[in-house]
Protein backbone atom coordinates (compact mmCIF):
# COMPACT_ATOMS: atom_id res chain seq x y z
CA MET A 1 -30.17 39.38 35.84
CA GLU A 2 -28.63 39.03 39.43
CA ASN A 3 -30.53 35.84 39.90
CA ILE A 4 -28.97 34.46 36.49
CA LYS A 5 -25.44 35.24 37.80
CA LEU A 6 -26.03 33.86 40.88
CA PHE A 7 -27.19 30.66 39.38
CA CYS A 8 -24.15 30.24 37.14
CA THR A 9 -21.93 30.94 39.91
CA THR A 10 -23.01 28.39 42.06
CA ASN A 11 -23.93 25.90 39.29
CA TRP A 12 -20.98 26.61 36.89
CA ILE A 13 -19.56 22.78 37.29
CA ASN A 14 -23.00 21.28 36.40
CA ILE A 15 -23.14 23.68 33.59
CA THR A 16 -19.92 22.68 32.42
CA ALA A 17 -20.77 19.19 32.61
CA GLY A 18 -23.76 19.46 30.64
CA LEU A 19 -22.49 21.64 27.84
CA ALA A 20 -19.54 18.80 27.47
CA ILE A 21 -22.06 15.89 27.46
CA SER A 22 -23.99 18.02 24.78
CA VAL A 23 -21.12 18.39 22.41
CA THR A 24 -19.85 15.28 22.92
CA THR A 25 -23.34 13.68 21.96
CA ILE A 26 -23.74 15.82 19.07
CA ILE A 27 -20.05 14.83 17.72
CA ILE A 28 -21.05 11.05 18.20
CA LEU A 29 -24.42 11.28 16.68
CA ARG A 30 -22.87 12.91 13.57
CA LYS A 31 -20.18 10.18 13.49
CA ILE A 32 -22.75 7.50 13.52
CA ARG A 33 -24.99 9.45 10.90
CA ASN A 34 -21.92 9.93 8.45
CA ARG A 35 -20.78 6.19 9.05
CA PRO A 36 -20.49 4.67 5.54
CA LYS A 37 -23.56 2.26 5.34
CA LYS A 38 -22.66 -1.35 5.37
CA ARG A 39 -22.41 -2.85 1.78
CA VAL A 40 -24.56 -6.04 1.04
CA CYS A 41 -23.26 -8.69 -1.02
CA GLY A 42 -25.48 -9.39 -3.98
CA ILE A 43 -26.95 -5.98 -3.89
CA ASP A 44 -23.93 -3.24 -3.34
CA TYR A 45 -21.53 -5.90 -5.33
CA PRO A 46 -21.63 -9.09 -6.87
CA ALA A 47 -21.16 -12.47 -5.12
CA ASP A 48 -18.24 -14.64 -5.49
CA THR A 49 -16.13 -11.96 -6.76
CA VAL A 50 -13.44 -10.12 -4.90
CA ILE A 51 -14.00 -6.38 -4.82
CA LEU A 52 -10.43 -4.70 -4.62
CA HIS A 53 -10.46 -1.29 -2.96
CA GLN A 54 -7.67 0.43 -4.35
CA PHE A 55 -6.30 3.98 -5.33
CA GLU A 56 -7.00 5.07 -8.84
CA ARG A 57 -4.83 3.76 -12.01
CA GLY A 58 -1.27 5.28 -11.98
CA LYS A 59 0.45 6.92 -15.07
CA THR A 60 3.45 4.85 -15.33
CA ALA A 61 2.06 1.47 -13.26
CA PRO A 62 -1.38 0.26 -12.59
CA SER A 63 -1.08 1.62 -8.97
CA VAL A 64 1.17 3.86 -7.18
CA GLY A 65 0.45 1.60 -4.22
CA HIS A 66 3.15 -1.09 -3.31
CA PHE A 67 0.86 -3.40 -1.61
CA VAL A 68 -2.17 -2.76 -4.22
CA MET A 69 0.40 -4.05 -6.73
CA LYS A 70 1.30 -7.17 -4.30
CA LEU A 71 -2.17 -8.01 -4.10
CA GLU A 72 -3.34 -7.49 -7.33
CA THR A 73 -0.57 -9.44 -8.56
CA PHE A 74 -1.49 -12.59 -6.26
CA LEU A 75 -5.18 -12.33 -7.61
CA ARG A 76 -4.31 -12.54 -11.18
CA VAL A 77 -1.41 -15.26 -10.56
CA ASN A 78 -4.18 -17.37 -9.00
CA LYS A 79 -6.87 -16.27 -11.33
CA ILE A 80 -9.25 -15.11 -8.77
CA THR A 81 -12.10 -13.22 -10.07
CA TYR A 82 -12.04 -9.72 -8.88
CA GLN A 83 -13.57 -6.22 -9.53
CA SER A 84 -11.54 -2.99 -8.83
CA ASP A 85 -13.30 -0.08 -6.99
CA PHE A 86 -11.45 2.98 -7.37
CA ASN A 87 -13.89 5.23 -5.04
CA PHE A 88 -10.72 5.79 -2.52
CA ARG A 89 -11.41 5.30 1.24
CA ASN A 90 -9.57 3.65 3.77
CA GLY A 91 -10.50 -0.29 4.50
CA PRO A 92 -11.29 -1.41 8.23
CA LYS A 93 -7.81 -1.02 9.30
CA GLY A 94 -7.21 2.50 7.94
CA LYS A 95 -5.08 1.10 4.82
CA VAL A 96 -5.28 0.64 1.40
CA PRO A 97 -5.75 -1.89 -0.26
CA TRP A 98 -8.67 -3.63 1.26
CA ILE A 99 -11.33 -6.28 0.06
CA GLU A 100 -14.85 -7.30 0.23
CA TYR A 101 -15.81 -11.00 -0.58
CA ASN A 102 -19.35 -12.71 0.12
CA GLY A 103 -19.99 -9.98 3.04
CA THR A 104 -16.50 -10.30 4.32
CA THR A 105 -14.67 -7.02 4.79
CA MET A 106 -10.68 -7.49 5.44
CA GLY A 107 -7.78 -5.42 5.32
CA ASP A 108 -4.20 -5.74 5.21
CA SER A 109 -2.58 -7.40 2.37
CA HIS A 110 -1.10 -10.45 4.13
CA MET A 111 -4.20 -11.28 5.90
CA ILE A 112 -6.12 -10.75 2.68
CA ILE A 113 -4.11 -13.42 1.14
CA GLU A 114 -4.27 -15.74 4.06
CA MET A 115 -8.01 -15.56 3.86
CA LEU A 116 -8.31 -15.99 0.18
CA ASN A 117 -5.71 -19.06 0.41
CA LYS A 118 -8.37 -20.79 2.88
CA GLU A 119 -11.45 -19.37 0.71
CA PHE A 120 -9.93 -20.65 -2.63
CA LYS A 121 -7.83 -23.48 -1.42
CA ILE A 122 -4.75 -22.28 -2.57
CA ASP A 123 -1.17 -22.09 -1.61
CA MET A 124 1.64 -20.55 -3.73
CA ASP A 125 4.10 -22.14 -1.40
CA SER A 126 3.19 -25.43 -1.46
CA HIS A 127 6.30 -26.54 -3.29
CA LEU A 128 8.63 -25.02 -0.73
CA SER A 129 9.93 -26.91 2.33
CA GLU A 130 9.26 -25.63 5.71
CA TYR A 131 12.89 -24.14 5.75
CA GLU A 132 12.49 -22.67 2.24
CA LYS A 133 8.97 -21.11 3.76
CA ALA A 134 10.93 -19.54 6.62
CA VAL A 135 13.64 -18.04 4.19
CA ALA A 136 10.93 -16.69 2.00
CA TRP A 137 9.03 -14.85 4.84
CA ALA A 138 12.31 -13.65 5.80
CA ILE A 139 13.11 -12.06 2.58
CA GLN A 140 9.47 -10.92 2.20
CA LYS A 141 9.65 -8.92 5.53
CA TRP A 142 13.18 -7.36 4.67
CA ILE A 143 11.66 -5.97 1.10
CA GLU A 144 7.99 -5.15 2.85
CA GLU A 145 9.39 -3.56 6.24
CA TYR A 146 12.45 -1.87 5.19
CA MET A 147 12.78 -1.55 1.52
CA TYR A 148 9.25 -0.31 1.33
CA TRP A 149 10.04 2.66 4.04
CA LEU A 150 13.13 3.41 2.19
CA ASN A 151 11.00 4.23 -1.26
CA VAL A 152 8.19 5.65 0.78
CA HIS A 153 10.65 8.42 2.35
CA THR A 154 12.23 8.78 -1.12
CA ARG A 155 9.09 9.57 -2.98
CA TRP A 156 7.07 11.52 -0.49
CA VAL A 157 9.68 13.51 1.64
CA ILE A 158 13.11 13.54 -0.30
CA LEU A 159 11.24 14.21 -3.84
CA THR A 160 7.93 15.09 -3.19
CA SER A 161 7.79 17.88 -5.75
CA GLU A 162 9.30 15.59 -8.16
CA MET A 163 6.58 13.00 -7.68
CA PHE A 164 4.29 15.65 -8.71
CA GLU A 165 6.12 17.40 -11.27
CA GLU A 166 6.87 14.15 -13.17
CA GLY A 167 2.90 13.08 -13.07
CA LEU A 168 3.72 9.91 -10.65
CA ALA A 169 1.38 11.47 -7.80
CA ASN A 170 -2.28 10.72 -8.67
CA PHE A 171 -3.29 13.35 -5.88
CA SER A 172 -4.19 16.98 -6.04
CA SER A 173 -0.88 19.04 -5.66
CA ALA A 174 -2.72 21.15 -2.77
CA LEU A 175 -2.24 18.07 -0.77
CA LYS A 176 1.65 17.87 -1.09
CA PRO A 177 2.57 19.57 2.28
CA LEU A 178 0.39 17.23 3.84
CA ILE A 179 1.38 14.12 2.45
CA ARG A 180 4.98 14.93 2.93
CA ARG A 181 4.30 15.97 6.55
CA LYS A 182 2.42 12.66 7.16
CA ALA A 183 5.07 10.61 5.21
CA LEU A 184 7.91 12.23 7.46
CA ASP A 185 5.96 11.45 10.70
CA MET A 186 5.91 8.09 9.70
CA THR A 187 9.20 7.34 8.29
CA PHE A 188 10.62 9.05 11.40
CA LYS A 189 8.75 6.76 13.65
CA VAL A 190 10.30 3.54 12.23
CA GLY A 191 13.72 4.86 11.67
CA ILE A 192 14.22 5.64 8.16
CA GLY A 193 13.52 9.27 8.45
CA ARG A 194 16.11 9.84 10.63
CA HIS A 195 18.78 9.59 8.24
CA SER A 196 20.12 11.96 5.73
CA ASN A 197 18.76 12.09 2.15
CA SER A 198 22.27 10.66 0.61
CA GLU A 199 22.12 7.95 3.38
CA VAL A 200 18.51 7.03 2.57
CA HIS A 201 19.77 6.74 -1.24
CA ASP A 202 22.74 4.82 -0.27
CA LEU A 203 20.55 2.36 1.88
CA MET A 204 18.25 1.74 -1.36
CA VAL A 205 21.06 1.39 -3.82
CA ASN A 206 22.52 -1.22 -1.42
CA ASP A 207 19.37 -3.33 -0.66
CA LEU A 208 18.67 -3.35 -4.75
CA ARG A 209 22.26 -4.68 -5.08
CA LYS A 210 21.69 -7.18 -2.60
CA PHE A 211 18.26 -8.21 -3.97
CA SER A 212 20.29 -8.68 -7.20
CA GLN A 213 22.76 -11.18 -5.79
CA LEU A 214 19.90 -13.16 -3.92
CA LEU A 215 17.95 -13.52 -7.08
CA GLY A 216 20.95 -14.50 -9.23
CA ASN A 217 20.05 -16.27 -12.47
CA LYS A 218 16.79 -17.87 -11.01
CA ASN A 219 13.37 -17.18 -12.60
CA TYR A 220 11.76 -16.18 -9.44
CA ILE A 221 13.46 -15.45 -5.60
CA MET A 222 12.56 -19.34 -4.49
CA GLY A 223 13.32 -21.01 -8.00
CA ASP A 224 11.67 -21.75 -10.93
CA LYS A 225 8.21 -21.39 -9.51
CA MET A 226 6.31 -18.12 -8.23
CA ALA A 227 5.76 -17.71 -4.43
CA VAL A 228 3.71 -15.40 -2.36
CA VAL A 229 7.23 -13.56 -1.89
CA ASP A 230 7.29 -12.68 -5.46
CA CYS A 231 4.00 -11.00 -5.25
CA ALA A 232 5.27 -8.79 -2.52
CA ALA A 233 8.69 -8.07 -3.98
CA PHE A 234 7.21 -7.27 -7.18
CA GLY A 235 4.75 -4.58 -5.31
CA ILE A 236 7.68 -3.00 -3.92
CA LEU A 237 10.10 -2.94 -6.63
CA SER A 238 7.33 -2.00 -9.08
CA GLN A 239 6.96 1.30 -7.18
CA ILE A 240 10.89 2.03 -7.56
CA ARG A 241 11.41 1.48 -11.10
CA TRP A 242 8.06 2.79 -12.70
CA CYS A 243 6.53 4.99 -9.70
CA THR A 244 9.57 7.00 -8.21
CA PRO A 245 11.27 10.14 -9.83
CA SER A 246 14.10 9.69 -12.12
CA LYS A 247 16.57 11.72 -9.75
CA CYS A 248 16.14 8.72 -7.36
CA PRO A 249 19.62 6.80 -7.46
CA GLY A 250 17.85 3.49 -6.89
CA THR A 251 15.25 4.19 -9.87
CA LYS A 252 18.74 5.15 -11.99
CA LEU A 253 20.39 1.79 -11.17
CA LEU A 254 17.38 -0.15 -12.00
CA HIS A 255 17.62 1.59 -15.83
CA SER A 256 21.39 1.68 -15.72
CA GLY A 257 21.77 -1.94 -16.96
CA GLU A 258 23.72 -3.27 -13.83
CA LEU A 259 21.19 -5.19 -12.47
CA SER A 260 19.68 -7.01 -15.54
CA ASN A 261 18.58 -10.01 -13.69
CA VAL A 262 16.38 -7.75 -11.43
CA VAL A 263 14.76 -6.06 -14.68
CA SER A 264 14.42 -9.29 -16.46
CA TYR A 265 12.86 -10.68 -13.20
CA MET A 266 10.30 -8.06 -13.12
CA ASP A 267 9.52 -7.96 -16.79
CA ARG A 268 8.76 -11.80 -16.46
CA ILE A 269 6.20 -10.91 -14.20
CA LYS A 270 4.74 -8.07 -15.69
CA ASN A 271 4.61 -9.47 -19.08
CA THR A 272 2.95 -12.89 -17.75
CA TYR A 273 0.38 -11.66 -15.36
CA TRP A 274 -0.22 -8.01 -16.58
CA PRO A 275 -0.58 -8.18 -20.49
CA ASP A 276 -3.05 -5.30 -19.94
CA TRP A 277 -0.42 -2.99 -18.24
CA GLU A 278 -0.37 -0.52 -21.02
CA SER A 279 -4.15 -0.14 -21.36
CA LEU A 280 -4.34 0.41 -17.94
CA THR A 281 -1.77 3.24 -17.71
CA ALA A 282 -2.89 4.91 -20.97
CA ASP A 283 -4.11 8.25 -21.07
CA LYS A 284 -3.57 9.06 -17.18
């Protein structure tokens, strides 16, 4: 026994290092073993078909994901053959949606659209001048990088309970504290979470009114023809109108009749490219 104690005393650094290496090795081996097997095109999914990985369908809209709605609208506008996979798991960038196509895995809706543009030789912005493309990009980033976070904070921080009470969240209610904590951490980092609830609501109402003024009497944001910016705008606005609790002042505004041009704009896209909307949301 004394020999063992002596050995441990004189070699504790080596013993500690050995244990650390052993534990690390076990963790790495478990991660490798649990790593999802790379799916093979033609075996695990069909060739020449975009596999759209997304959340399960929502109760009031086909998805509760802003960027899922954006990307799926893009696929429909351009008549790209796709299949939805609702087996939820994060993609290569830790985000949803993501796609698989002919052996290529891609995350981030913007990068996915860029890839599909090249693959299918399409360009929804071809009718725009270079200046108009720059304007459309600025509008898109305003909507995706500011209005989006206002809605995330509203839904998952301010009105978290209402999201579950009104059946808008398609997650287990047991996850409510975790979802709220994670959402608050993200929105605080981008700045929106540093505002009071009333300030966030006022900012959303102001943005919706500004969007209405921008849209005017046009069919689409940049004129009479759909552009990528419209897919993005529909993705965000659809969540505010159909997937945000009724207590949200922004949601109330869209249902008040004041922003009739925005509602008509959304209905135009919905009716044209989502004729199966009701069947997708039925019995959810």
